[in-house]
Amino acid sequence: MLPTITLNSENQHKWAILDSCASSTFLIASAPSRNRMLATAPLTIRLPNGETINSSHKCELDLPQLPKAARVAHEVPNLLNSSLVSVVKLCQAGCEVIMTSVWCEIRLKGKTII
């Protein structure tokens, strides 16, 4: 049996969706992050419904086990429900992402880190 969680307004900042289509890692405003700085060149993000929203800050994921390049993230105030972690950015930073129907694993240099 797979463990499950119930996302709600009290804990949604602790979780993220691993997204194989996200061009970058996008965080909701309450997500844990480090080195948060006002974005000097905010990103424009196109949503699945065609609307666009903008990032406000550049920061790092609070996951020190990831390589520095994989921790780069963008805070998006109008992203309301879930943070998105980019599989593309993880792989570009040297990670291997393995997904099956029941689990996910992130490896770096052959070692499981998440």
Protein backbone atom coordinates (compact mmCIF):
# COMPACT_ATOMS: atom_id res chain seq x y z
CA MET A 1 0.00 0.00 0.00
CA LEU A 2 1.37 3.41 -0.94
CA PRO A 3 1.50 6.07 1.75
CA THR A 4 -0.74 9.01 0.93
CA ILE A 5 -0.94 12.59 2.07
CA THR A 6 -3.76 15.06 2.15
CA LEU A 7 -2.74 18.46 0.85
CA ASN A 8 -4.36 21.41 2.54
CA SER A 9 -3.61 25.08 3.16
CA GLU A 10 -1.54 24.19 6.26
CA ASN A 11 0.87 21.77 4.56
CA GLN A 12 0.89 22.58 0.83
CA HIS A 13 4.10 24.60 1.21
CA LYS A 14 5.97 21.44 2.29
CA TRP A 15 5.23 19.49 -0.91
CA ALA A 16 5.97 19.91 -4.61
CA ILE A 17 5.00 18.21 -7.83
CA LEU A 18 7.86 16.68 -9.81
CA ASP A 19 7.09 18.07 -13.27
CA SER A 20 8.68 16.67 -16.43
CA CYS A 21 7.28 19.55 -18.53
CA ALA A 22 8.27 22.50 -16.32
CA SER A 23 11.01 24.61 -17.89
CA SER A 24 12.22 25.72 -14.43
CA THR A 25 11.43 25.06 -10.79
CA PHE A 26 8.56 27.27 -9.64
CA LEU A 27 7.69 27.73 -5.96
CA ILE A 28 4.57 28.98 -4.25
CA ALA A 29 5.27 31.97 -2.02
CA SER A 30 5.20 29.96 1.24
CA ALA A 31 7.57 27.19 0.06
CA PRO A 32 10.83 26.76 2.01
CA SER A 33 13.72 28.37 0.14
CA ARG A 34 17.15 29.91 0.65
CA ASN A 35 18.96 32.97 -0.71
CA ARG A 36 15.75 34.68 -1.81
CA MET A 37 16.39 37.78 -3.97
CA LEU A 38 14.03 40.09 -5.86
CA ALA A 39 13.97 39.03 -9.52
CA THR A 40 15.73 41.62 -11.67
CA ALA A 41 14.44 39.83 -14.79
CA PRO A 42 11.17 38.14 -13.77
CA LEU A 43 10.13 35.08 -15.76
CA THR A 44 6.81 34.93 -17.58
CA ILE A 45 5.24 31.50 -17.11
CA ARG A 46 2.53 30.18 -19.41
CA LEU A 47 -0.08 28.10 -17.61
CA PRO A 48 -1.87 25.10 -19.16
CA ASN A 49 -5.00 27.23 -19.70
CA GLY A 50 -2.97 29.74 -21.77
CA GLU A 51 -2.81 32.47 -19.13
CA THR A 52 0.56 33.87 -18.04
CA ILE A 53 1.92 34.74 -14.61
CA ASN A 54 5.27 36.22 -13.53
CA SER A 55 7.93 35.27 -11.04
CA SER A 56 8.83 37.75 -8.30
CA HIS A 57 11.99 36.31 -6.72
CA LYS A 58 14.88 34.02 -7.56
CA CYS A 59 15.88 31.60 -4.80
CA GLU A 60 17.21 28.12 -4.08
CA LEU A 61 15.31 25.00 -3.10
CA ASP A 62 15.96 24.15 0.53
CA LEU A 63 17.36 20.75 -0.50
CA PRO A 64 21.13 20.91 0.13
CA GLN A 65 21.64 17.34 -1.11
CA LEU A 66 20.91 18.53 -4.67
CA PRO A 67 23.66 20.07 -6.82
CA LYS A 68 23.63 23.89 -6.78
CA ALA A 69 22.35 24.11 -10.38
CA ALA A 70 19.40 21.84 -9.49
CA ARG A 71 18.40 24.08 -6.55
CA VAL A 72 17.76 27.21 -8.67
CA ALA A 73 14.10 28.17 -8.30
CA HIS A 74 11.71 31.02 -9.00
CA GLU A 75 9.04 32.19 -6.58
CA VAL A 76 5.72 32.79 -8.33
CA PRO A 77 3.18 34.61 -6.12
CA ASN A 78 0.20 33.76 -8.36
CA LEU A 79 1.05 30.05 -8.34
CA LEU A 80 -1.48 29.14 -5.70
CA ASN A 81 -1.71 25.39 -5.18
CA SER A 82 1.59 23.55 -5.63
CA SER A 83 5.25 24.17 -6.24
CA LEU A 84 6.69 22.50 -9.35
CA VAL A 85 10.17 20.93 -9.41
CA SER A 86 11.57 20.66 -12.93
CA VAL A 87 12.80 17.20 -13.96
CA VAL A 88 14.60 18.92 -16.87
CA LYS A 89 16.62 21.13 -14.51
CA LEU A 90 17.45 18.18 -12.26
CA CYS A 91 18.78 16.21 -15.24
CA GLN A 92 20.69 19.19 -16.65
CA ALA A 93 22.41 19.49 -13.26
CA GLY A 94 23.62 15.89 -13.47
CA CYS A 95 20.85 14.11 -11.59
CA GLU A 96 19.11 10.99 -12.78
CA VAL A 97 15.35 10.92 -12.16
CA ILE A 98 13.71 7.51 -12.11
CA MET A 99 9.92 7.31 -12.01
CA THR A 100 7.63 4.31 -11.98
CA SER A 101 3.92 4.02 -11.36
CA VAL A 102 4.52 3.74 -7.61
CA TRP A 103 7.72 5.61 -6.68
CA CYS A 104 10.29 8.17 -7.72
CA GLU A 105 13.99 8.36 -7.00
CA ILE A 106 16.57 11.08 -7.69
CA ARG A 107 20.18 9.95 -7.99
CA LEU A 108 23.46 11.79 -8.28
CA LYS A 109 26.57 9.93 -9.42
CA GLY A 110 24.79 6.61 -8.82
CA LYS A 111 23.78 7.44 -5.25
CA THR A 112 20.15 7.93 -4.25
CA ILE A 113 19.76 11.44 -2.79
CA ILE A 114 15.95 11.75 -2.73
